[in-house]
Amino acid sequence: MKTLCAMTLLVSMLGSTIASADTFDGYECTDDCSGHQAGYDWAEGNYIDDEDSCDTTSQSFNEGCKSFVQGGSGIVSSDDDDDDDDDEDE
């Protein structure tokens, strides 16, 4: 019984990890990418051009800021689009 409970918990944890696999210009989001978007918007609005300026206590904000400095698009992407990789035989 303990093994069944442990396996059920593991499967549910893996499912929740897969569900939140969005990325912001390649940086993995933990929730809805709002921290990344805030950092990107802040860097854009303040004409930031140096990654050293992207140094706060928020990792997601910093990654969004760095994304702007690196010329990122500021777009959230979902990993659900990876299914197209099976078409390599064509």
PDB file of N, CA and C in Angstrom:
ATOM      1  N   MET A   1       0.818  -1.191   0.000  1.00  0.00           N
ATOM      2  CA  MET A   1       0.000   0.000   0.000  1.00  0.00           C
ATOM      3  C   MET A   1       0.871   1.269   0.000  1.00  0.00           C
ATOM      4  N   LYS A   2       1.956   1.251   0.789  1.00  0.00           N
ATOM      5  CA  LYS A   2       2.845   2.413   0.840  1.00  0.00           C
ATOM      6  C   LYS A   2       3.484   2.670  -0.524  1.00  0.00           C
ATOM      7  N   THR A   3       3.843   1.604  -1.221  1.00  0.00           N
ATOM      8  CA  THR A   3       4.458   1.747  -2.532  1.00  0.00           C
ATOM      9  C   THR A   3       3.485   2.372  -3.519  1.00  0.00           C
ATOM     10  N   LEU A   4       2.245   1.942  -3.478  1.00  0.00           N
ATOM     11  CA  LEU A   4       1.227   2.497  -4.365  1.00  0.00           C
ATOM     12  C   LEU A   4       1.018   3.979  -4.096  1.00  0.00           C
ATOM     13  N   CYS A   5       0.967   4.358  -2.838  1.00  0.00           N
ATOM     14  CA  CYS A   5       0.808   5.777  -2.478  1.00  0.00           C
ATOM     15  C   CYS A   5       2.010   6.600  -2.946  1.00  0.00           C
ATOM     16  N   ALA A   6       3.195   6.054  -2.775  1.00  0.00           N
ATOM     17  CA  ALA A   6       4.407   6.767  -3.181  1.00  0.00           C
ATOM     18  C   ALA A   6       4.433   6.942  -4.696  1.00  0.00           C
ATOM     19  N   MET A   7       4.044   5.908  -5.432  1.00  0.00           N
ATOM     20  CA  MET A   7       4.040   6.004  -6.893  1.00  0.00           C
ATOM     21  C   MET A   7       2.980   6.993  -7.371  1.00  0.00           C
ATOM     22  N   THR A   8       1.835   7.013  -6.727  1.00  0.00           N
ATOM     23  CA  THR A   8       0.782   7.961  -7.088  1.00  0.00           C
ATOM     24  C   THR A   8       1.254   9.385  -6.855  1.00  0.00           C
ATOM     25  N   LEU A   9       1.906   9.619  -5.734  1.00  0.00           N
ATOM     26  CA  LEU A   9       2.446  10.946  -5.435  1.00  0.00           C
ATOM     27  C   LEU A   9       3.494  11.347  -6.466  1.00  0.00           C
ATOM     28  N   LEU A  10       4.379  10.426  -6.832  1.00  0.00           N
ATOM     29  CA  LEU A  10       5.419  10.720  -7.812  1.00  0.00           C
ATOM     30  C   LEU A  10       4.814  11.074  -9.169  1.00  0.00           C
ATOM     31  N   VAL A  11       3.839  10.312  -9.610  1.00  0.00           N
ATOM     32  CA  VAL A  11       3.194  10.584 -10.893  1.00  0.00           C
ATOM     33  C   VAL A  11       2.495  11.934 -10.876  1.00  0.00           C
ATOM     34  N   SER A  12       1.828  12.259  -9.783  1.00  0.00           N
ATOM     35  CA  SER A  12       1.143  13.557  -9.725  1.00  0.00           C
ATOM     36  C   SER A  12       2.144  14.703  -9.697  1.00  0.00           C
ATOM     37  N   MET A  13       3.291  14.512  -9.057  1.00  0.00           N
ATOM     38  CA  MET A  13       4.321  15.549  -9.046  1.00  0.00           C
ATOM     39  C   MET A  13       4.907  15.740 -10.433  1.00  0.00           C
ATOM     40  N   LEU A  14       5.146  14.658 -11.145  1.00  0.00           N
ATOM     41  CA  LEU A  14       5.678  14.764 -12.502  1.00  0.00           C
ATOM     42  C   LEU A  14       4.686  15.455 -13.423  1.00  0.00           C
ATOM     43  N   GLY A  15       3.424  15.168 -13.249  1.00  0.00           N
ATOM     44  CA  GLY A  15       2.397  15.812 -14.062  1.00  0.00           C
ATOM     45  C   GLY A  15       2.354  17.301 -13.842  1.00  0.00           C
ATOM     46  N   SER A  16       2.509  17.750 -12.611  1.00  0.00           N
ATOM     47  CA  SER A  16       2.478  19.185 -12.350  1.00  0.00           C
ATOM     48  C   SER A  16       3.734  19.864 -12.867  1.00  0.00           C
ATOM     49  N   THR A  17       4.860  19.157 -12.893  1.00  0.00           N
ATOM     50  CA  THR A  17       6.088  19.719 -13.440  1.00  0.00           C
ATOM     51  C   THR A  17       5.954  19.910 -14.945  1.00  0.00           C
ATOM     52  N   ILE A  18       5.383  18.949 -15.601  1.00  0.00           N
ATOM     53  CA  ILE A  18       5.214  19.029 -17.046  1.00  0.00           C
ATOM     54  C   ILE A  18       4.234  20.138 -17.413  1.00  0.00           C
ATOM     55  N   ALA A  19       3.214  20.331 -16.609  1.00  0.00           N
ATOM     56  CA  ALA A  19       2.192  21.333 -16.905  1.00  0.00           C
ATOM     57  C   ALA A  19       2.753  22.755 -16.851  1.00  0.00           C
ATOM     58  N   SER A  20       3.796  22.997 -16.076  1.00  0.00           N
ATOM     59  CA  SER A  20       4.332  24.343 -15.947  1.00  0.00           C
ATOM     60  C   SER A  20       5.663  24.482 -16.672  1.00  0.00           C
ATOM     61  N   ALA A  21       5.738  23.978 -17.893  1.00  0.00           N
ATOM     62  CA  ALA A  21       6.990  23.974 -18.640  1.00  0.00           C
ATOM     63  C   ALA A  21       7.095  25.144 -19.615  1.00  0.00           C
ATOM     64  N   ASP A  22       6.477  26.278 -19.288  1.00  0.00           N
ATOM     65  CA  ASP A  22       6.594  27.448 -20.144  1.00  0.00           C
ATOM     66  C   ASP A  22       7.981  28.058 -19.999  1.00  0.00           C
ATOM     67  N   THR A  23       8.436  28.686 -21.064  1.00  0.00           N
ATOM     68  CA  THR A  23       9.717  29.376 -21.028  1.00  0.00           C
ATOM     69  C   THR A  23       9.541  30.807 -21.521  1.00  0.00           C
ATOM     70  N   PHE A  24      10.422  31.663 -21.075  1.00  0.00           N
ATOM     71  CA  PHE A  24      10.450  33.062 -21.481  1.00  0.00           C
ATOM     72  C   PHE A  24      11.800  33.289 -22.128  1.00  0.00           C
ATOM     73  N   ASP A  25      11.824  33.332 -23.456  1.00  0.00           N
ATOM     74  CA  ASP A  25      13.083  33.483 -24.200  1.00  0.00           C
ATOM     75  C   ASP A  25      14.133  32.470 -23.746  1.00  0.00           C
ATOM     76  N   GLY A  26      13.699  31.248 -23.493  1.00  0.00           N
ATOM     77  CA  GLY A  26      14.616  30.179 -23.114  1.00  0.00           C
ATOM     78  C   GLY A  26      14.792  29.990 -21.619  1.00  0.00           C
ATOM     79  N   TYR A  27      14.361  30.941 -20.813  1.00  0.00           N
ATOM     80  CA  TYR A  27      14.451  30.802 -19.363  1.00  0.00           C
ATOM     81  C   TYR A  27      13.199  30.091 -18.867  1.00  0.00           C
ATOM     82  N   GLU A  28      13.363  29.055 -18.040  1.00  0.00           N
ATOM     83  CA  GLU A  28      12.229  28.290 -17.545  1.00  0.00           C
ATOM     84  C   GLU A  28      11.436  29.096 -16.516  1.00  0.00           C
ATOM     85  N   CYS A  29      10.128  29.126 -16.695  1.00  0.00           N
ATOM     86  CA  CYS A  29       9.243  29.819 -15.764  1.00  0.00           C
ATOM     87  C   CYS A  29       8.776  28.855 -14.676  1.00  0.00           C
ATOM     88  N   THR A  30       8.594  29.377 -13.477  1.00  0.00           N
ATOM     89  CA  THR A  30       8.099  28.540 -12.392  1.00  0.00           C
ATOM     90  C   THR A  30       6.584  28.610 -12.285  1.00  0.00           C
ATOM     91  N   ASP A  31       5.986  29.656 -12.788  1.00  0.00           N
ATOM     92  CA  ASP A  31       4.531  29.801 -12.685  1.00  0.00           C
ATOM     93  C   ASP A  31       3.985  30.355 -13.988  1.00  0.00           C
ATOM     94  N   ASP A  32       3.735  31.630 -14.047  1.00  0.00           N
ATOM     95  CA  ASP A  32       3.106  32.223 -15.231  1.00  0.00           C
ATOM     96  C   ASP A  32       4.021  33.180 -15.997  1.00  0.00           C
ATOM     97  N   CYS A  33       5.278  33.186 -15.701  1.00  0.00           N
ATOM     98  CA  CYS A  33       6.292  34.015 -16.368  1.00  0.00           C
ATOM     99  C   CYS A  33       6.109  35.511 -16.101  1.00  0.00           C
ATOM    100  N   SER A  34       5.282  35.875 -15.151  1.00  0.00           N
ATOM    101  CA  SER A  34       5.039  37.293 -14.879  1.00  0.00           C
ATOM    102  C   SER A  34       6.287  38.002 -14.350  1.00  0.00           C
ATOM    103  N   GLY A  35       7.112  37.312 -13.581  1.00  0.00           N
ATOM    104  CA  GLY A  35       8.352  37.910 -13.096  1.00  0.00           C
ATOM    105  C   GLY A  35       9.314  38.193 -14.236  1.00  0.00           C
ATOM    106  N   HIS A  36       9.397  37.256 -15.174  1.00  0.00           N
ATOM    107  CA  HIS A  36      10.239  37.453 -16.354  1.00  0.00           C
ATOM    108  C   HIS A  36       9.729  38.638 -17.179  1.00  0.00           C
ATOM    109  N   GLN A  37       8.421  38.692 -17.360  1.00  0.00           N
ATOM    110  CA  GLN A  37       7.841  39.779 -18.149  1.00  0.00           C
ATOM    111  C   GLN A  37       8.091  41.120 -17.484  1.00  0.00           C
ATOM    112  N   ALA A  38       7.992  41.165 -16.150  1.00  0.00           N
ATOM    113  CA  ALA A  38       8.241  42.413 -15.421  1.00  0.00           C
ATOM    114  C   ALA A  38       9.681  42.875 -15.601  1.00  0.00           C
ATOM    115  N   GLY A  39      10.622  41.947 -15.525  1.00  0.00           N
ATOM    116  CA  GLY A  39      12.034  42.291 -15.719  1.00  0.00           C
ATOM    117  C   GLY A  39      12.315  42.769 -17.128  1.00  0.00           C
ATOM    118  N   TYR A  40      11.714  42.096 -18.099  1.00  0.00           N
ATOM    119  CA  TYR A  40      11.879  42.489 -19.504  1.00  0.00           C
ATOM    120  C   TYR A  40      11.311  43.884 -19.735  1.00  0.00           C
ATOM    121  N   ASP A  41      10.092  44.109 -19.242  1.00  0.00           N
ATOM    122  CA  ASP A  41       9.442  45.417 -19.412  1.00  0.00           C
ATOM    123  C   ASP A  41      10.219  46.530 -18.725  1.00  0.00           C
ATOM    124  N   TRP A  42      10.755  46.245 -17.539  1.00  0.00           N
ATOM    125  CA  TRP A  42      11.525  47.243 -16.801  1.00  0.00           C
ATOM    126  C   TRP A  42      12.792  47.606 -17.581  1.00  0.00           C
ATOM    127  N   ALA A  43      13.483  46.584 -18.078  1.00  0.00           N
ATOM    128  CA  ALA A  43      14.720  46.838 -18.833  1.00  0.00           C
ATOM    129  C   ALA A  43      14.417  47.619 -20.109  1.00  0.00           C
ATOM    130  N   GLU A  44      13.331  47.269 -20.772  1.00  0.00           N
ATOM    131  CA  GLU A  44      12.953  47.975 -21.994  1.00  0.00           C
ATOM    132  C   GLU A  44      12.582  49.424 -21.694  1.00  0.00           C
ATOM    133  N   GLY A  45      11.822  49.636 -20.649  1.00  0.00           N
ATOM    134  CA  GLY A  45      11.373  50.983 -20.296  1.00  0.00           C
ATOM    135  C   GLY A  45      12.472  51.885 -19.776  1.00  0.00           C
ATOM    136  N   ASN A  46      13.546  51.271 -19.272  1.00  0.00           N
ATOM    137  CA  ASN A  46      14.664  52.043 -18.731  1.00  0.00           C
ATOM    138  C   ASN A  46      15.909  51.987 -19.611  1.00  0.00           C
ATOM    139  N   TYR A  47      15.750  51.487 -20.835  1.00  0.00           N
ATOM    140  CA  TYR A  47      16.837  51.434 -21.822  1.00  0.00           C
ATOM    141  C   TYR A  47      18.088  50.751 -21.261  1.00  0.00           C
ATOM    142  N   ILE A  48      17.891  49.633 -20.558  1.00  0.00           N
ATOM    143  CA  ILE A  48      19.000  48.898 -19.958  1.00  0.00           C
ATOM    144  C   ILE A  48      19.760  48.170 -21.070  1.00  0.00           C
ATOM    145  N   ASP A  49      21.097  48.297 -21.069  1.00  0.00           N
ATOM    146  CA  ASP A  49      21.899  47.631 -22.084  1.00  0.00           C
ATOM    147  C   ASP A  49      23.068  46.857 -21.490  1.00  0.00           C
ATOM    148  N   ASP A  50      23.041  46.651 -20.166  1.00  0.00           N
ATOM    149  CA  ASP A  50      24.119  45.961 -19.483  1.00  0.00           C
ATOM    150  C   ASP A  50      23.516  44.961 -18.491  1.00  0.00           C
ATOM    151  N   GLU A  51      23.900  43.698 -18.613  1.00  0.00           N
ATOM    152  CA  GLU A  51      23.359  42.661 -17.735  1.00  0.00           C
ATOM    153  C   GLU A  51      23.671  42.917 -16.263  1.00  0.00           C
ATOM    154  N   ASP A  52      24.713  43.684 -15.969  1.00  0.00           N
ATOM    155  CA  ASP A  52      25.043  43.998 -14.578  1.00  0.00           C
ATOM    156  C   ASP A  52      23.929  44.796 -13.909  1.00  0.00           C
ATOM    157  N   SER A  53      23.097  45.458 -14.705  1.00  0.00           N
ATOM    158  CA  SER A  53      21.965  46.210 -14.163  1.00  0.00           C
ATOM    159  C   SER A  53      20.814  45.296 -13.769  1.00  0.00           C
ATOM    160  N   CYS A  54      20.883  44.035 -14.167  1.00  0.00           N
ATOM    161  CA  CYS A  54      19.825  43.055 -13.895  1.00  0.00           C
ATOM    162  C   CYS A  54      20.182  42.265 -12.640  1.00  0.00           C
ATOM    163  N   ASP A  55      20.315  42.947 -11.529  1.00  0.00           N
ATOM    164  CA  ASP A  55      20.771  42.311 -10.299  1.00  0.00           C
ATOM    165  C   ASP A  55      19.846  42.670  -9.143  1.00  0.00           C
ATOM    166  N   THR A  56      18.774  41.889  -9.018  1.00  0.00           N
ATOM    167  CA  THR A  56      17.845  42.073  -7.909  1.00  0.00           C
ATOM    168  C   THR A  56      17.763  40.761  -7.135  1.00  0.00           C
ATOM    169  N   THR A  57      16.907  40.701  -6.157  1.00  0.00           N
ATOM    170  CA  THR A  57      16.730  39.471  -5.390  1.00  0.00           C
ATOM    171  C   THR A  57      15.805  38.485  -6.093  1.00  0.00           C
ATOM    172  N   SER A  58      15.204  38.883  -7.209  1.00  0.00           N
ATOM    173  CA  SER A  58      14.276  38.017  -7.941  1.00  0.00           C
ATOM    174  C   SER A  58      14.963  37.409  -9.169  1.00  0.00           C
ATOM    175  N   GLN A  59      15.138  36.094  -9.145  1.00  0.00           N
ATOM    176  CA  GLN A  59      15.785  35.421 -10.273  1.00  0.00           C
ATOM    177  C   GLN A  59      14.991  35.593 -11.556  1.00  0.00           C
ATOM    178  N   SER A  60      13.667  35.464 -11.480  1.00  0.00           N
ATOM    179  CA  SER A  60      12.864  35.576 -12.697  1.00  0.00           C
ATOM    180  C   SER A  60      12.919  37.000 -13.265  1.00  0.00           C
ATOM    181  N   PHE A  61      12.882  38.009 -12.410  1.00  0.00           N
ATOM    182  CA  PHE A  61      13.003  39.402 -12.859  1.00  0.00           C
ATOM    183  C   PHE A  61      14.346  39.602 -13.553  1.00  0.00           C
ATOM    184  N   ASN A  62      15.412  39.087 -12.933  1.00  0.00           N
ATOM    185  CA  ASN A  62      16.752  39.225 -13.503  1.00  0.00           C
ATOM    186  C   ASN A  62      16.844  38.539 -14.860  1.00  0.00           C
ATOM    187  N   GLU A  63      16.244  37.350 -14.983  1.00  0.00           N
ATOM    188  CA  GLU A  63      16.286  36.639 -16.255  1.00  0.00           C
ATOM    189  C   GLU A  63      15.509  37.389 -17.340  1.00  0.00           C
ATOM    190  N   GLY A  64      14.382  37.984 -16.980  1.00  0.00           N
ATOM    191  CA  GLY A  64      13.627  38.784 -17.934  1.00  0.00           C
ATOM    192  C   GLY A  64      14.417  40.005 -18.377  1.00  0.00           C
ATOM    193  N   CYS A  65      15.075  40.644 -17.442  1.00  0.00           N
ATOM    194  CA  CYS A  65      15.919  41.796 -17.737  1.00  0.00           C
ATOM    195  C   CYS A  65      17.061  41.389 -18.672  1.00  0.00           C
ATOM    196  N   LYS A  66      17.717  40.285 -18.354  1.00  0.00           N
ATOM    197  CA  LYS A  66      18.818  39.799 -19.190  1.00  0.00           C
ATOM    198  C   LYS A  66      18.321  39.435 -20.584  1.00  0.00           C
ATOM    199  N   SER A  67      17.122  38.904 -20.655  1.00  0.00           N
ATOM    200  CA  SER A  67      16.543  38.566 -21.950  1.00  0.00           C
ATOM    201  C   SER A  67      16.448  39.799 -22.837  1.00  0.00           C
ATOM    202  N   PHE A  68      16.016  40.911 -22.275  1.00  0.00           N
ATOM    203  CA  PHE A  68      15.938  42.151 -23.049  1.00  0.00           C
ATOM    204  C   PHE A  68      17.332  42.587 -23.503  1.00  0.00           C
ATOM    205  N   VAL A  69      18.295  42.582 -22.568  1.00  0.00           N
ATOM    206  CA  VAL A  69      19.657  43.008 -22.889  1.00  0.00           C
ATOM    207  C   VAL A  69      20.254  42.131 -23.992  1.00  0.00           C
ATOM    208  N   GLN A  70      19.927  40.844 -23.982  1.00  0.00           N
ATOM    209  CA  GLN A  70      20.458  39.903 -24.965  1.00  0.00           C
ATOM    210  C   GLN A  70      19.696  39.940 -26.293  1.00  0.00           C
ATOM    211  N   GLY A  71      18.695  40.799 -26.380  1.00  0.00           N
ATOM    212  CA  GLY A  71      17.948  40.929 -27.627  1.00  0.00           C
ATOM    213  C   GLY A  71      16.822  39.926 -27.783  1.00  0.00           C
ATOM    214  N   GLY A  72      16.342  39.391 -26.657  1.00  0.00           N
ATOM    215  CA  GLY A  72      15.249  38.429 -26.696  1.00  0.00           C
ATOM    216  C   GLY A  72      13.949  39.058 -27.176  1.00  0.00           C
ATOM    217  N   SER A  73      13.002  38.203 -27.488  1.00  0.00           N
ATOM    218  CA  SER A  73      11.727  38.667 -28.037  1.00  0.00           C
ATOM    219  C   SER A  73      10.707  39.014 -26.968  1.00  0.00           C
ATOM    220  N   GLY A  74      10.918  38.549 -25.737  1.00  0.00           N
ATOM    221  CA  GLY A  74       9.954  38.814 -24.673  1.00  0.00           C
ATOM    222  C   GLY A  74       8.684  38.003 -24.822  1.00  0.00           C
ATOM    223  N   ILE A  75       8.798  36.811 -25.396  1.00  0.00           N
ATOM    224  CA  ILE A  75       7.635  35.980 -25.663  1.00  0.00           C
ATOM    225  C   ILE A  75       7.679  34.715 -24.811  1.00  0.00           C
ATOM    226  N   VAL A  76       6.537  34.366 -24.236  1.00  0.00           N
ATOM    227  CA  VAL A  76       6.392  33.127 -23.478  1.00  0.00           C
ATOM    228  C   VAL A  76       6.110  32.005 -24.462  1.00  0.00           C
ATOM    229  N   SER A  77       6.851  30.904 -24.328  1.00  0.00           N
ATOM    230  CA  SER A  77       6.657  29.739 -25.189  1.00  0.00           C
ATOM    231  C   SER A  77       6.286  28.543 -24.335  1.00  0.00           C
ATOM    232  N   SER A  78       5.497  27.669 -24.896  1.00  0.00           N
ATOM    233  CA  SER A  78       5.101  26.445 -24.219  1.00  0.00           C
ATOM    234  C   SER A  78       5.853  25.278 -24.821  1.00  0.00           C
ATOM    235  N   ASP A  79       6.299  24.344 -23.988  1.00  0.00           N
ATOM    236  CA  ASP A  79       7.014  23.170 -24.475  1.00  0.00           C
ATOM    237  C   ASP A  79       6.088  22.170 -25.142  1.00  0.00           C
ATOM    238  N   ASP A  80       4.801  22.443 -25.201  1.00  0.00           N
ATOM    239  CA  ASP A  80       3.855  21.542 -25.860  1.00  0.00           C
ATOM    240  C   ASP A  80       4.128  21.451 -27.349  1.00  0.00           C
ATOM    241  N   ASP A  81       4.885  22.381 -27.898  1.00  0.00           N
ATOM    242  CA  ASP A  81       5.170  22.416 -29.333  1.00  0.00           C
ATOM    243  C   ASP A  81       6.281  21.452 -29.734  1.00  0.00           C
ATOM    244  N   ASP A  82       6.874  20.732 -28.781  1.00  0.00           N
ATOM    245  CA  ASP A  82       7.998  19.850 -29.068  1.00  0.00           C
ATOM    246  C   ASP A  82       7.608  18.593 -29.829  1.00  0.00           C
ATOM    247  N   ASP A  83       6.333  18.321 -30.029  1.00  0.00           N
ATOM    248  CA  ASP A  83       5.893  17.123 -30.713  1.00  0.00           C
ATOM    249  C   ASP A  83       6.292  17.112 -32.179  1.00  0.00           C
ATOM    250  N   ASP A  84       6.670  18.230 -32.754  1.00  0.00           N
ATOM    251  CA  ASP A  84       7.044  18.321 -34.148  1.00  0.00           C
ATOM    252  C   ASP A  84       8.398  17.686 -34.429  1.00  0.00           C
ATOM    253  N   ASP A  85       9.170  17.340 -33.388  1.00  0.00           N
ATOM    254  CA  ASP A  85      10.482  16.771 -33.566  1.00  0.00           C
ATOM    255  C   ASP A  85      10.447  15.395 -34.216  1.00  0.00           C
ATOM    256  N   ASP A  86       9.304  14.732 -34.205  1.00  0.00           N
ATOM    257  CA  ASP A  86       9.190  13.404 -34.780  1.00  0.00           C
ATOM    258  C   ASP A  86       9.183  13.427 -36.296  1.00  0.00           C
ATOM    259  N   ASP A  87       9.108  14.572 -36.917  1.00  0.00           N
ATOM    260  CA  ASP A  87       9.019  14.702 -38.358  1.00  0.00           C
ATOM    261  C   ASP A  87      10.401  14.779 -39.035  1.00  0.00           C
ATOM    262  N   GLU A  88      11.457  14.405 -38.332  1.00  0.00           N
ATOM    263  CA  GLU A  88      12.807  14.543 -38.868  1.00  0.00           C
ATOM    264  C   GLU A  88      13.075  13.593 -40.028  1.00  0.00           C
ATOM    265  N   ASP A  89      12.278  12.527 -40.203  1.00  0.00           N
ATOM    266  CA  ASP A  89      12.504  11.548 -41.254  1.00  0.00           C
ATOM    267  C   ASP A  89      12.142  12.077 -42.626  1.00  0.00           C
ATOM    268  N   GLU A  90      11.407  13.144 -42.715  1.00  0.00           N
ATOM    269  CA  GLU A  90      10.923  13.662 -43.988  1.00  0.00           C
ATOM    270  C   GLU A  90      11.983  14.410 -44.745  1.00  0.00           C
TER     271      GLU A  90
END
